[in-house]
Structure formats: structure tokens, C-alpha cells
C-alpha atoms as a PDB file:
ATOM      1  CA  UNK A   1     128.545 165.498 120.908  1.00  0.00           C
ATOM      2  CA  UNK A   2     126.046 163.713 123.112  1.00  0.00           C
ATOM      3  CA  UNK A   3     126.010 160.193 121.680  1.00  0.00           C
ATOM      4  CA  UNK A   4     127.869 158.116 119.104  1.00  0.00           C
ATOM      5  CA  UNK A   5     127.218 154.782 117.454  1.00  0.00           C
ATOM      6  CA  UNK A   6     130.120 152.447 118.158  1.00  0.00           C
ATOM      7  CA  UNK A   7     131.484 149.619 116.019  1.00  0.00           C
ATOM      8  CA  UNK A   8     133.852 147.191 117.701  1.00  0.00           C
ATOM      9  CA  UNK A   9     137.280 146.047 116.548  1.00  0.00           C
ATOM     10  CA  UNK A  10     135.723 142.959 114.926  1.00  0.00           C
ATOM     11  CA  UNK A  11     133.003 145.005 113.144  1.00  0.00           C
ATOM     12  CA  UNK A  12     130.400 144.108 115.775  1.00  0.00           C
ATOM     13  CA  UNK A  13     127.733 146.696 116.600  1.00  0.00           C
ATOM     14  CA  UNK A  14     128.180 147.917 120.184  1.00  0.00           C
ATOM     15  CA  UNK A  15     125.235 150.307 120.067  1.00  0.00           C
ATOM     16  CA  UNK A  16     124.719 153.987 120.843  1.00  0.00           C
ATOM     17  CA  UNK A  17     126.479 155.411 123.886  1.00  0.00           C
ATOM     18  CA  UNK A  18     128.169 158.526 125.220  1.00  0.00           C
ATOM     19  CA  UNK A  19     131.629 159.450 123.878  1.00  0.00           C
ATOM     20  CA  UNK A  20     133.049 158.840 127.353  1.00  0.00           C
ATOM     21  CA  UNK A  21     131.724 155.269 127.440  1.00  0.00           C
ATOM     22  CA  UNK A  22     132.978 154.681 123.904  1.00  0.00           C
ATOM     23  CA  UNK A  23     136.467 155.881 124.861  1.00  0.00           C
ATOM     24  CA  UNK A  24     136.402 153.650 127.918  1.00  0.00           C
ATOM     25  CA  UNK A  25     135.603 150.604 125.754  1.00  0.00           C
ATOM     26  CA  UNK A  26     138.411 151.485 123.361  1.00  0.00           C
ATOM     27  CA  UNK A  27     140.879 151.809 126.236  1.00  0.00           C
ATOM     28  CA  UNK A  28     139.752 148.490 127.695  1.00  0.00           C
ATOM     29  CA  UNK A  29     140.633 146.884 124.368  1.00  0.00           C
ATOM     30  CA  UNK A  30     143.946 148.741 124.207  1.00  0.00           C
ATOM     31  CA  UNK A  31     142.869 150.463 120.985  1.00  0.00           C
ATOM     32  CA  UNK A  32     141.775 153.859 119.663  1.00  0.00           C
ATOM     33  CA  UNK A  33     138.348 155.368 119.015  1.00  0.00           C
ATOM     34  CA  UNK A  34     138.131 156.799 115.494  1.00  0.00           C
ATOM     35  CA  UNK A  35     135.221 158.711 113.972  1.00  0.00           C
ATOM     36  CA  UNK A  36     134.439 157.182 110.560  1.00  0.00           C
ATOM     37  CA  UNK A  37     131.115 158.833 109.643  1.00  0.00           C
ATOM     38  CA  UNK A  38     130.835 162.329 111.094  1.00  0.00           C
ATOM     39  CA  UNK A  39     127.713 163.266 109.103  1.00  0.00           C
ATOM     40  CA  UNK A  40     125.621 160.346 110.370  1.00  0.00           C
ATOM     41  CA  UNK A  41     123.065 160.856 113.122  1.00  0.00           C
ATOM     42  CA  UNK A  42     124.433 159.873 115.537  1.00  0.00           C
ATOM     43  CA  UNK A  43     128.056 159.980 114.316  1.00  0.00           C
ATOM     44  CA  UNK A  44     129.698 156.580 113.833  1.00  0.00           C
ATOM     45  CA  UNK A  45     132.940 155.680 115.597  1.00  0.00           C
ATOM     46  CA  UNK A  46     135.021 152.530 115.265  1.00  0.00           C
ATOM     47  CA  UNK A  47     137.359 150.946 117.779  1.00  0.00           C
ATOM     48  CA  UNK A  48     140.624 150.202 115.971  1.00  0.00           C
ATOM     49  CA  UNK A  49     144.404 150.419 115.943  1.00  0.00           C
ATOM     50  CA  UNK A  50     144.673 153.874 114.402  1.00  0.00           C
ATOM     51  CA  UNK A  51     148.380 153.561 113.633  1.00  0.00           C
ATOM     52  CA  UNK A  52     147.816 150.358 111.705  1.00  0.00           C
ATOM     53  CA  UNK A  53     144.792 151.887 109.971  1.00  0.00           C
ATOM     54  CA  UNK A  54     146.847 154.867 108.744  1.00  0.00           C
ATOM     55  CA  UNK A  55     149.578 152.528 107.526  1.00  0.00           C
ATOM     56  CA  UNK A  56     147.082 150.426 105.532  1.00  0.00           C
ATOM     57  CA  UNK A  57     145.445 153.555 104.068  1.00  0.00           C
ATOM     58  CA  UNK A  58     148.859 154.789 102.977  1.00  0.00           C
ATOM     59  CA  UNK A  59     149.571 151.438 101.301  1.00  0.00           C
ATOM     60  CA  UNK A  60     146.230 151.559  99.484  1.00  0.00           C
ATOM     61  CA  UNK A  61     146.893 155.107  98.309  1.00  0.00           C
ATOM     62  CA  UNK A  62     150.324 154.131  97.014  1.00  0.00           C
ATOM     63  CA  UNK A  63     148.822 151.139  95.247  1.00  0.00           C
ATOM     64  CA  UNK A  64     146.178 153.299  93.559  1.00  0.00           C
ATOM     65  CA  UNK A  65     148.763 155.847  92.493  1.00  0.00           C
ATOM     66  CA  UNK A  66     150.904 153.103  90.980  1.00  0.00           C
ATOM     67  CA  UNK A  67     147.904 151.703  89.088  1.00  0.00           C
ATOM     68  CA  UNK A  68     148.486 152.354  85.406  1.00  0.00           C
ATOM     69  CA  UNK A  69     145.256 153.518  83.804  1.00  0.00           C
ATOM     70  CA  UNK A  70     144.207 151.310  80.927  1.00  0.00           C
ATOM     71  CA  UNK A  71     141.414 151.406  78.381  1.00  0.00           C
ATOM     72  CA  UNK A  72     138.595 148.949  79.113  1.00  0.00           C
ATOM     73  CA  UNK A  73     135.981 148.237  76.469  1.00  0.00           C
ATOM     74  CA  UNK A  74     132.293 147.543  77.094  1.00  0.00           C
ATOM     75  CA  UNK A  75     130.472 146.169  74.044  1.00  0.00           C
ATOM     76  CA  UNK A  76     126.729 146.194  73.403  1.00  0.00           C
ATOM     77  CA  UNK A  77     124.180 146.012  70.603  1.00  0.00           C
ATOM     78  CA  UNK A  78     121.534 148.571  69.574  1.00  0.00           C
ATOM     79  CA  UNK A  79     118.900 146.254  71.066  1.00  0.00           C
ATOM     80  CA  UNK A  80     120.689 145.353  74.326  1.00  0.00           C
ATOM     81  CA  UNK A  81     117.974 145.036  76.981  1.00  0.00           C
ATOM     82  CA  UNK A  82     117.987 146.802  80.343  1.00  0.00           C
ATOM     83  CA  UNK A  83     119.035 143.735  82.347  1.00  0.00           C
ATOM     84  CA  UNK A  84     122.197 143.197  80.271  1.00  0.00           C
ATOM     85  CA  UNK A  85     122.792 146.944  80.137  1.00  0.00           C
ATOM     86  CA  UNK A  86     122.799 147.240  83.930  1.00  0.00           C
ATOM     87  CA  UNK A  87     125.305 144.371  84.159  1.00  0.00           C
ATOM     88  CA  UNK A  88     127.595 146.137  81.681  1.00  0.00           C
ATOM     89  CA  UNK A  89     127.142 149.424  83.548  1.00  0.00           C
ATOM     90  CA  UNK A  90     128.293 147.820  86.794  1.00  0.00           C
ATOM     91  CA  UNK A  91     131.494 146.763  85.049  1.00  0.00           C
ATOM     92  CA  UNK A  92     131.939 150.247  83.610  1.00  0.00           C
ATOM     93  CA  UNK A  93     131.507 151.842  87.035  1.00  0.00           C
ATOM     94  CA  UNK A  94     134.021 149.417  88.538  1.00  0.00           C
ATOM     95  CA  UNK A  95     136.599 150.299  85.873  1.00  0.00           C
ATOM     96  CA  UNK A  96     136.034 154.024  86.390  1.00  0.00           C
ATOM     97  CA  UNK A  97     136.347 153.667  90.179  1.00  0.00           C
ATOM     98  CA  UNK A  98     139.710 151.964  89.605  1.00  0.00           C
ATOM     99  CA  UNK A  99     140.909 154.874  87.493  1.00  0.00           C
ATOM    100  CA  UNK A 100     140.623 153.237  84.075  1.00  0.00           C
ATOM    101  CA  UNK A 101     139.156 154.744  80.928  1.00  0.00           C
ATOM    102  CA  UNK A 102     136.087 153.077  79.464  1.00  0.00           C
ATOM    103  CA  UNK A 103     135.373 152.672  75.768  1.00  0.00           C
ATOM    104  CA  UNK A 104     131.673 152.073  75.145  1.00  0.00           C
ATOM    105  CA  UNK A 105     131.070 150.376  71.814  1.00  0.00           C
ATOM    106  CA  UNK A 106     127.836 149.615  69.972  1.00  0.00           C
ATOM    107  CA  UNK A 107     128.209 146.834  67.381  1.00  0.00           C
ATOM    108  CA  UNK A 108     126.025 146.855  64.245  1.00  0.00           C
ATOM    109  CA  UNK A 109     125.216 143.801  62.148  1.00  0.00           C
ATOM    110  CA  UNK A 110     123.598 143.515  58.730  1.00  0.00           C
ATOM    111  CA  UNK A 111     120.657 145.862  58.260  1.00  0.00           C
ATOM    112  CA  UNK A 112     121.242 147.462  61.664  1.00  0.00           C
ATOM    113  CA  UNK A 113     123.608 149.824  59.833  1.00  0.00           C
ATOM    114  CA  UNK A 114     120.609 151.772  58.519  1.00  0.00           C
ATOM    115  CA  UNK A 115     119.652 152.611  62.110  1.00  0.00           C
ATOM    116  CA  UNK A 116     122.896 154.042  63.468  1.00  0.00           C
ATOM    117  CA  UNK A 117     120.886 156.647  65.385  1.00  0.00           C
ATOM    118  CA  UNK A 118     119.795 153.828  67.709  1.00  0.00           C
ATOM    119  CA  UNK A 119     123.432 153.228  68.542  1.00  0.00           C
ATOM    120  CA  UNK A 120     123.923 156.908  69.319  1.00  0.00           C
ATOM    121  CA  UNK A 121     120.833 156.842  71.540  1.00  0.00           C
ATOM    122  CA  UNK A 122     122.133 153.739  73.329  1.00  0.00           C
ATOM    123  CA  UNK A 123     125.464 155.421  74.076  1.00  0.00           C
ATOM    124  CA  UNK A 124     123.670 158.535  75.323  1.00  0.00           C
ATOM    125  CA  UNK A 125     121.482 156.361  77.556  1.00  0.00           C
ATOM    126  CA  UNK A 126     124.560 154.708  79.064  1.00  0.00           C
ATOM    127  CA  UNK A 127     126.237 158.092  79.525  1.00  0.00           C
ATOM    128  CA  UNK A 128     123.234 159.373  81.478  1.00  0.00           C
ATOM    129  CA  UNK A 129     123.012 156.225  83.623  1.00  0.00           C
ATOM    130  CA  UNK A 130     126.688 156.501  84.635  1.00  0.00           C
ATOM    131  CA  UNK A 131     126.020 160.095  85.658  1.00  0.00           C
ATOM    132  CA  UNK A 132     128.643 162.352  87.227  1.00  0.00           C
ATOM    133  CA  UNK A 133     131.091 159.497  87.766  1.00  0.00           C
ATOM    134  CA  UNK A 134     132.607 160.041  84.313  1.00  0.00           C
ATOM    135  CA  UNK A 135     133.408 162.725  81.767  1.00  0.00           C
ATOM    136  CA  UNK A 136     133.372 162.268  78.009  1.00  0.00           C
ATOM    137  CA  UNK A 137     136.860 162.213  76.482  1.00  0.00           C
ATOM    138  CA  UNK A 138     135.826 161.290  72.940  1.00  0.00           C
ATOM    139  CA  UNK A 139     132.237 161.772  71.657  1.00  0.00           C
ATOM    140  CA  UNK A 140     130.462 158.980  69.741  1.00  0.00           C
ATOM    141  CA  UNK A 141     131.956 158.252  66.321  1.00  0.00           C
ATOM    142  CA  UNK A 142     131.724 155.489  63.729  1.00  0.00           C
ATOM    143  CA  UNK A 143     134.587 153.089  63.042  1.00  0.00           C
ATOM    144  CA  UNK A 144     133.377 150.714  60.348  1.00  0.00           C
ATOM    145  CA  UNK A 145     130.487 148.768  61.887  1.00  0.00           C
ATOM    146  CA  UNK A 146     131.216 150.073  65.383  1.00  0.00           C
ATOM    147  CA  UNK A 147     130.176 153.287  67.115  1.00  0.00           C
ATOM    148  CA  UNK A 148     132.281 154.157  70.157  1.00  0.00           C
ATOM    149  CA  UNK A 149     132.843 156.841  72.745  1.00  0.00           C
ATOM    150  CA  UNK A 150     135.444 157.049  75.520  1.00  0.00           C
ATOM    151  CA  UNK A 151     134.753 158.063  79.115  1.00  0.00           C
ATOM    152  CA  UNK A 152     137.248 159.013  81.826  1.00  0.00           C
ATOM    153  CA  UNK A 153     136.623 159.096  85.556  1.00  0.00           C
ATOM    154  CA  UNK A 154     135.739 162.371  87.258  1.00  0.00           C
ATOM    155  CA  UNK A 155     138.181 162.378  90.193  1.00  0.00           C
ATOM    156  CA  UNK A 156     135.966 164.370  92.555  1.00  0.00           C
ATOM    157  CA  UNK A 157     132.912 162.222  91.816  1.00  0.00           C
ATOM    158  CA  UNK A 158     134.940 159.010  92.277  1.00  0.00           C
ATOM    159  CA  UNK A 159     136.343 160.268  95.597  1.00  0.00           C
ATOM    160  CA  UNK A 160     132.817 161.081  96.812  1.00  0.00           C
ATOM    161  CA  UNK A 161     131.541 157.657  95.695  1.00  0.00           C
ATOM    162  CA  UNK A 162     134.346 155.946  97.624  1.00  0.00           C
ATOM    163  CA  UNK A 163     133.560 158.030 100.704  1.00  0.00           C
ATOM    164  CA  UNK A 164     129.904 157.024 100.544  1.00  0.00           C
ATOM    165  CA  UNK A 165     130.849 153.351 100.092  1.00  0.00           C
ATOM    166  CA  UNK A 166     133.050 153.550 103.194  1.00  0.00           C
ATOM    167  CA  UNK A 167     130.290 155.228 105.191  1.00  0.00           C
ATOM    168  CA  UNK A 168     127.695 152.642 104.141  1.00  0.00           C
ATOM    169  CA  UNK A 169     130.072 149.818 105.059  1.00  0.00           C
ATOM    170  CA  UNK A 170     130.652 151.374 108.486  1.00  0.00           C
ATOM    171  CA  UNK A 171     126.925 151.760 109.142  1.00  0.00           C
ATOM    172  CA  UNK A 172     125.892 148.356 107.786  1.00  0.00           C
ATOM    173  CA  UNK A 173     124.436 146.138 110.554  1.00  0.00           C
ATOM    174  CA  UNK A 174     126.382 143.030 111.374  1.00  0.00           C
ATOM    175  CA  UNK A 175     124.305 139.898 110.922  1.00  0.00           C
ATOM    176  CA  UNK A 176     124.186 137.607 113.916  1.00  0.00           C
ATOM    177  CA  UNK A 177     126.018 134.354 113.394  1.00  0.00           C
ATOM    178  CA  UNK A 178     123.960 131.205 113.408  1.00  0.00           C
ATOM    179  CA  UNK A 179     124.538 129.048 116.474  1.00  0.00           C
ATOM    180  CA  UNK A 180     126.804 126.080 115.928  1.00  0.00           C
ATOM    181  CA  UNK A 181     124.776 122.899 116.309  1.00  0.00           C
ATOM    182  CA  UNK A 182     126.409 119.830 117.840  1.00  0.00           C
ATOM    183  CA  UNK A 183     124.773 117.105 115.767  1.00  0.00           C
ATOM    184  CA  UNK A 184     125.860 114.267 118.046  1.00  0.00           C
ATOM    185  CA  UNK A 185     124.487 116.055 121.093  1.00  0.00           C
ATOM    186  CA  UNK A 186     121.231 116.743 119.242  1.00  0.00           C
ATOM    187  CA  UNK A 187     120.868 113.041 118.344  1.00  0.00           C
ATOM    188  CA  UNK A 188     121.566 111.993 121.941  1.00  0.00           C
ATOM    189  CA  UNK A 189     118.968 114.451 123.216  1.00  0.00           C
ATOM    190  CA  UNK A 190     116.369 113.197 120.708  1.00  0.00           C
ATOM    191  CA  UNK A 191     117.113 109.574 121.680  1.00  0.00           C
ATOM    192  CA  UNK A 192     116.784 110.369 125.381  1.00  0.00           C
ATOM    193  CA  UNK A 193     113.537 112.233 124.732  1.00  0.00           C
ATOM    194  CA  UNK A 194     112.075 109.200 122.945  1.00  0.00           C
ATOM    195  CA  UNK A 195     113.181 106.927 125.789  1.00  0.00           C
ATOM    196  CA  UNK A 196     111.559 109.224 128.368  1.00  0.00           C
ATOM    197  CA  UNK A 197     108.333 109.280 126.385  1.00  0.00           C
ATOM    198  CA  UNK A 198     108.325 105.484 126.098  1.00  0.00           C
ATOM    199  CA  UNK A 199     108.916 105.084 129.844  1.00  0.00           C
ATOM    200  CA  UNK A 200     106.151 107.559 130.623  1.00  0.00           C
ATOM    201  CA  UNK A 201     103.757 105.631 128.372  1.00  0.00           C
ATOM    202  CA  UNK A 202     104.694 102.348 130.095  1.00  0.00           C
ATOM    203  CA  UNK A 203     104.136 103.813 133.552  1.00  0.00           C
ATOM    204  CA  UNK A 204     100.772 105.164 132.433  1.00  0.00           C
ATOM    205  CA  UNK A 205      99.782 101.721 131.085  1.00  0.00           C
ATOM    206  CA  UNK A 206     100.900  99.984 134.320  1.00  0.00           C
ATOM    207  CA  UNK A 207      98.904 102.436 136.412  1.00  0.00           C
ATOM    208  CA  UNK A 208      95.842 101.915 134.235  1.00  0.00           C
ATOM    209  CA  UNK A 209      96.217  98.121 134.532  1.00  0.00           C
ATOM    210  CA  UNK A 210      96.510  98.335 138.325  1.00  0.00           C
ATOM    211  CA  UNK A 211      93.389 100.447 138.543  1.00  0.00           C
ATOM    212  CA  UNK A 212      91.418  97.890 136.484  1.00  0.00           C
ATOM    213  CA  UNK A 213      92.574  95.036 138.717  1.00  0.00           C
ATOM    214  CA  UNK A 214      91.496  96.877 141.860  1.00  0.00           C
ATOM    215  CA  UNK A 215      88.078  97.515 140.319  1.00  0.00           C
ATOM    216  CA  UNK A 216      87.599  93.816 139.510  1.00  0.00           C
ATOM    217  CA  UNK A 217      88.644  92.799 143.040  1.00  0.00           C
ATOM    218  CA  UNK A 218      86.122  95.156 144.532  1.00  0.00           C
END
């Protein structure tokens, strides 16, 4: 490994450097150097307390395992537009990532009942947009004026999605903070600048007046 991209303990970007320099920076901070994105070019390493990191990961894993899967319902209409559909899809993905089942329901009103195929097409569209993240547990079926299907998370696909989210977060550039402006100091500086300009104008006027007087005397 020739070079690595290093992220500091406070998520600041330290740049690309040799592994030896990266280790030296970690030791200076009294912390560890941990590779967080091996497949990146160059690989990404983060300076952190590895023991604390492992402890927090273990807590998160325990919390996820203790999470009782529940059934979340996403409702839509046969004519739900793409903007609203994408919003509902984001919620569905979030539920699936958390290990919950998702019940997708199309609601029919009045004469919409004669076009139930549109509801089936809408559910199929949603299924395709969610992609590999979920598997179908129950296919679409009618329940009165509602057509529903139930999706469950695909564990391998969810694990891969989480890994990619972690990698993207590690590689995301840290935005520079805006400088803190001392408003009182800024006002004092502006006041002093105006005073200097006024004094300069006065001196210029005095010099011009003196020159005119000398010309008249001559």
C-alpha cells in the first residue's frame, strides 16, 4: 500500500499520505489508525479509538438484534404521482433497513374499482423501484377496496446497503466552517475607516487651499 486517504478523529480531511505518516499522526494523537474503506482508491483510513469503536459497534449490533420487527404500512392511490411515490419509497426503504416488514397498499375509491389492474401495476412499479433490498412475502391481493402486498428485507442486500452508506460517509468531504465574525470589531473597523477617509479628505482640501493662496500671492 503506497498511499492512504486519512480522516482525522474529528472527521476532518487530512489528505493523502503514506501509511507511515498516517500511523505517525495517529500515534501523535494517542489513537489508532483504522482502515474503513479498503476498496477505495486510495484506501480510506480513520484516526480513532479502536477499542471504543468496537464497543459502540457491539452496542449497535445488540440494539438491532433486540429490535422487534413490525409491519409498517405505506398507502397510495392508483394515480399517485412520481414525486409522492418517491417520498413513500424513501420511507419504505428506511423501514426495510431497520428490519421491519412493509405492507404496500393501494386504496381504491368509487369508480376506481373498475381499474384494479392499475393498482397491480402501481405495486409492481414500487416493487421494481425498491429493487434487491426486499423480497416479496405476500403477492398482491384484494381486501375489499384495498390491494396490498407485503415485502420483507433481504438481509444480504441490506447489509451491503449499510456498508455502502458507511463508505460514502467516510469519503464525504468535510465542509469548511465559516469564520466567526466579531460584529463589534467589524463596526469599530468600519468607523475607523470612515474617520481615516474623512481626515484624508480634509488634508487634501487644506493642501489644495494652501496651493491656491500661494498662487494668488505670486
